[in-house]
Protein backbone atom coordinates (compact mmCIF):
# COMPACT_ATOMS: atom_id res chain seq x y z
CA MET A 1 -4.68 -13.17 -16.60
CA ILE A 2 -1.63 -13.58 -15.33
CA GLU A 3 -0.44 -15.12 -18.59
CA LYS A 4 -0.70 -11.86 -19.54
CA ALA A 5 2.77 -11.62 -18.09
CA LEU A 6 5.11 -13.26 -20.05
CA TYR A 7 3.95 -11.80 -23.02
CA GLY A 8 5.29 -8.01 -24.07
CA ASP A 9 7.94 -6.59 -26.23
CA LYS A 10 11.82 -6.09 -25.77
CA ARG A 11 11.30 -2.84 -23.71
CA TYR A 12 8.23 -4.81 -21.79
CA TRP A 13 11.32 -7.09 -20.87
CA THR A 14 13.99 -4.93 -20.47
CA TRP A 15 11.98 -3.33 -17.81
CA ILE A 16 10.98 -6.53 -16.23
CA GLY A 17 14.91 -7.46 -16.00
CA PHE A 18 15.67 -3.76 -14.76
CA LEU A 19 13.17 -4.37 -12.16
CA LEU A 20 14.40 -7.86 -10.81
CA ILE A 21 18.30 -6.49 -10.96
CA LEU A 22 16.41 -4.63 -8.45
CA ILE A 23 14.69 -6.59 -6.47
CA GLY A 24 17.73 -8.49 -6.57
CA ILE A 25 20.32 -5.97 -4.82
CA GLY A 26 17.54 -4.82 -1.84
CA VAL A 27 17.29 -9.15 -1.17
CA LEU A 28 21.43 -8.84 -0.93
CA ASN A 29 21.68 -5.42 0.69
CA TYR A 30 18.62 -7.85 3.56
CA LEU A 31 20.35 -10.14 3.53
CA ARG A 32 23.73 -8.03 4.63
CA GLN A 33 20.93 -6.09 7.33
CA TRP A 34 19.83 -10.11 9.17
CA ASP A 35 23.36 -10.84 9.21
CA MET A 36 25.09 -7.48 10.73
CA GLY A 37 21.94 -6.22 11.95
CA LEU A 38 19.94 -2.71 11.77
CA GLY A 39 22.60 -0.85 12.36
CA ILE A 40 24.06 -0.61 9.22
CA THR A 41 20.64 1.02 7.75
CA GLY A 42 21.92 4.28 10.73
CA LEU A 43 18.18 3.85 12.97
CA SER A 44 19.90 4.69 16.14
CA ARG A 45 18.14 5.39 19.32
CA ASP A 46 18.49 8.92 18.19
CA VAL A 47 17.67 8.26 14.56
CA THR A 48 14.36 5.67 15.36
CA TRP A 49 13.02 6.17 12.14
CA GLY A 50 14.42 6.09 8.69
CA PHE A 51 13.85 5.20 5.56
CA TYR A 52 12.16 1.71 5.91
CA ILE A 53 9.03 4.17 8.02
CA ALA A 54 9.63 7.22 5.80
CA GLN A 55 8.22 4.81 2.54
CA PHE A 56 5.72 3.10 4.90
CA THR A 57 4.14 5.88 4.86
CA PHE A 58 4.05 7.22 2.12
CA LEU A 59 2.50 3.93 0.56
CA VAL A 60 0.08 3.54 3.09
CA GLY A 61 -1.35 6.98 1.44
CA VAL A 62 -0.94 5.89 -2.47
CA ALA A 63 -3.15 3.01 -0.92
CA ALA A 64 -5.22 5.01 0.41
CA SER A 65 -5.79 7.49 -1.81
CA ALA A 66 -7.65 4.34 -4.32
CA VAL A 67 -10.63 5.41 -2.14
CA MET A 68 -10.70 9.19 -4.41
CA VAL A 69 -11.44 7.00 -7.77
CA VAL A 70 -13.51 4.61 -5.96
CA LEU A 71 -15.92 7.36 -4.48
CA PRO A 72 -17.02 9.31 -7.79
CA TYR A 73 -17.21 6.08 -9.93
CA TYR A 74 -19.10 3.56 -7.08
CA LEU A 75 -20.96 6.75 -5.45
CA HIS A 76 -21.89 9.20 -8.42
CA ASN A 77 -21.90 6.95 -10.55
CA TYR A 78 -19.00 9.18 -12.59
CA LYS A 79 -18.66 6.99 -15.63
CA ALA A 80 -15.97 7.73 -16.58
CA PHE A 81 -13.56 6.66 -13.75
CA GLY A 82 -14.88 3.55 -15.03
CA LYS A 83 -10.97 2.04 -15.87
CA ILE A 84 -8.84 4.30 -14.05
CA THR A 85 -10.60 2.44 -11.02
CA ILE A 86 -9.52 -0.50 -11.83
CA LEU A 87 -6.10 0.80 -12.18
CA GLY A 88 -6.14 2.48 -8.85
CA GLU A 89 -7.08 -0.68 -7.12
CA PHE A 90 -4.36 -2.52 -8.65
CA VAL A 91 -2.20 0.59 -7.43
CA ALA A 92 -3.25 -0.07 -4.36
CA VAL A 93 -2.70 -3.33 -4.26
CA GLY A 94 0.79 -2.96 -4.64
CA SER A 95 1.55 -0.53 -2.48
CA VAL A 96 -0.06 -2.47 0.72
CA VAL A 97 2.53 -5.40 -0.40
CA MET A 98 5.36 -2.90 -0.83
CA CYS A 99 3.99 -1.54 2.80
CA MET A 100 3.97 -4.71 4.50
CA THR A 101 7.43 -5.95 3.48
CA PHE A 102 9.00 -2.31 4.61
CA ILE A 103 7.19 -2.85 7.88
CA PHE A 104 9.42 -6.91 8.01
CA VAL A 105 12.41 -4.93 7.14
CA ASP A 106 12.27 -3.05 9.49
CA MET A 107 11.40 -5.11 12.72
CA GLY A 108 14.89 -6.80 12.30
CA GLN A 109 14.64 -10.32 12.98
CA PRO A 110 11.78 -10.88 10.64
CA PHE A 111 10.29 -13.51 12.79
CA ARG A 112 9.35 -10.77 15.17
CA ILE A 113 6.70 -10.88 12.92
CA LEU A 114 5.24 -13.45 13.76
CA ASN A 115 4.56 -12.82 17.46
CA VAL A 116 1.86 -9.83 16.17
CA PHE A 117 -0.70 -13.41 14.72
CA LEU A 118 0.84 -16.02 17.63
CA HIS A 119 0.11 -13.28 20.64
CA PRO A 120 -1.90 -10.78 18.72
CA THR A 121 -3.05 -7.92 22.09
CA PRO A 122 -5.52 -6.11 20.52
CA HIS A 123 -4.08 -2.79 23.36
CA SER A 124 -0.95 -2.76 20.93
CA LEU A 125 -1.32 -0.81 17.95
CA MET A 126 1.24 -2.90 15.42
CA PHE A 127 -1.36 -5.89 16.12
CA TRP A 128 -4.22 -3.03 14.61
CA ASP A 129 -1.68 -1.66 11.70
CA THR A 130 -1.43 -5.39 10.11
CA VAL A 131 -5.68 -5.98 10.91
CA VAL A 132 -6.21 -2.65 8.65
CA LEU A 133 -3.19 -3.78 5.68
CA SER A 134 -4.00 -7.64 5.61
CA GLY A 135 -7.38 -6.65 5.83
CA TYR A 136 -7.30 -3.57 2.61
CA LEU A 137 -5.48 -6.16 0.59
CA LEU A 138 -7.40 -9.06 0.90
CA LEU A 139 -10.32 -6.11 0.10
CA ASN A 140 -8.14 -4.41 -3.07
CA ILE A 141 -7.58 -7.83 -4.29
CA ILE A 142 -11.05 -9.03 -4.48
CA ILE A 143 -12.53 -5.99 -5.80
CA SER A 144 -9.56 -5.01 -8.73
CA TRP A 145 -9.70 -8.99 -9.71
CA THR A 146 -13.24 -9.42 -10.40
CA THR A 147 -13.64 -5.80 -11.56
CA LEU A 148 -10.09 -6.61 -14.34
CA GLY A 149 -13.31 -9.75 -15.02
CA ALA A 150 -15.99 -8.26 -15.66
CA GLU A 151 -14.42 -5.35 -17.90
CA ARG A 152 -12.47 -8.26 -19.73
CA LYS A 153 -15.57 -9.40 -20.83
CA GLY A 154 -18.12 -6.34 -20.95
CA ILE A 155 -20.41 -7.10 -18.73
CA ALA A 156 -21.28 -5.30 -15.31
CA PRO A 157 -19.50 -6.07 -11.57
CA PRO A 158 -21.34 -9.07 -10.33
CA ARG A 159 -23.98 -7.17 -7.31
CA TRP A 160 -22.31 -8.98 -4.47
CA ILE A 161 -19.04 -6.64 -4.42
CA LYS A 162 -20.77 -3.78 -3.98
CA PRO A 163 -20.76 -4.31 -0.48
CA VAL A 164 -17.02 -4.79 -0.42
CA ILE A 165 -16.10 -2.20 -2.08
CA TYR A 166 -18.40 0.59 0.11
CA LEU A 167 -16.45 -1.59 2.86
CA SER A 168 -12.89 -0.43 1.53
CA ILE A 169 -13.87 3.29 1.29
CA PRO A 170 -13.79 3.27 5.36
CA TRP A 171 -11.19 0.95 5.51
CA ALA A 172 -8.65 2.65 3.59
CA ILE A 173 -9.66 5.85 5.59
CA SER A 174 -8.26 3.31 8.48
CA ILE A 175 -5.11 2.56 7.38
CA HIS A 176 -3.80 5.83 6.93
CA THR A 177 -5.93 6.52 10.51
CA VAL A 178 -3.31 4.25 12.66
CA THR A 179 -0.58 4.90 10.83
CA ALA A 180 -0.73 8.39 12.32
CA PHE A 181 -2.05 6.99 15.52
CA LEU A 182 1.54 5.10 15.57
CA TYR A 183 3.34 7.78 14.92
CA SER A 184 1.92 9.64 17.49
CA GLY A 185 2.80 7.07 20.14
CA LEU A 186 6.31 7.93 20.35
CA ALA A 187 6.45 10.00 23.16
CA ALA A 188 9.63 11.18 22.58
CA ARG A 189 9.51 12.91 19.17
CA PRO A 190 6.18 15.69 20.08
CA PHE A 191 5.91 17.34 16.84
CA TRP A 192 3.80 14.11 15.57
CA MET A 193 2.06 14.36 19.02
CA SER A 194 -0.70 16.87 17.60
CA ALA A 195 -4.65 15.45 16.85
CA VAL A 196 -4.34 16.52 13.79
CA LEU A 197 -1.95 14.36 12.76
CA ALA A 198 -4.56 11.64 10.97
CA PRO A 199 -6.36 14.62 9.01
CA ARG A 200 -3.06 15.82 7.80
CA PHE A 201 -2.13 12.03 6.79
CA LEU A 202 -4.99 11.79 4.92
CA ALA A 203 -4.82 14.91 3.46
CA SER A 204 -1.11 14.35 2.16
CA ALA A 205 -2.39 11.48 1.13
CA PHE A 206 -5.64 11.44 -1.16
CA ALA A 207 -3.89 14.67 -2.85
CA ALA A 208 -0.72 12.57 -3.94
CA GLY A 209 -1.96 9.35 -4.75
CA PRO A 210 -3.59 10.19 -7.23
CA ALA A 211 -0.90 12.77 -8.91
CA LEU A 212 0.37 9.62 -9.07
CA LEU A 213 -1.39 7.70 -10.53
CA VAL A 214 -2.43 10.65 -13.00
CA ILE A 215 1.60 10.27 -14.21
CA LEU A 216 0.92 6.16 -14.23
CA CYS A 217 -2.13 6.21 -16.34
CA LEU A 218 -0.10 9.18 -18.47
CA ILE A 219 3.14 6.73 -18.84
CA VAL A 220 1.05 3.51 -19.74
CA ARG A 221 -1.49 6.04 -22.14
CA LYS A 222 2.26 6.81 -23.76
CA VAL A 223 4.39 3.49 -23.86
């Protein structure tokens, strides 16, 4: 299926070139940060989080919102959501990859992230964040790849994928819940120390994510 990405008209390759330029600018700025430190981002003792964590939080919500199109199709057999479900799963894959990338650059020294895996600490929220994000990424890759393959062949998805899909539903809720716990763990910011923070995160995610998906569908239909 990946070979389809190598074919397209002039507009397609212009768009790909534009994205590659943006990626190149991002890599150059990251190398500058690696050399000079996180100080160039404007972060300090008083401003502990900035653009990286803001985008991480938004994209976690977008990734979690894939469940909003999965539920009607797989639990309620609402066939109209069939093809948008596949798009939602792939959007979730891209969103989780970007989430993990933002965490990676926010760590300062990238090798620090290896300590989470080399020295796992179950009472660390960062450990659980990596577990739920990597697990959700794996689940969505399996689901989207399998369902897209079945759609191309015009057949029903294999039966074994159903339990994986059902598992992804509570897992989607867990990734944003752990994000809320991360915020609540910052004692110096009492604004986040609220029992309803996780439900608020989920409510905003389940609104913003499908809204972005609707916009993407309109763009896909138009171009």
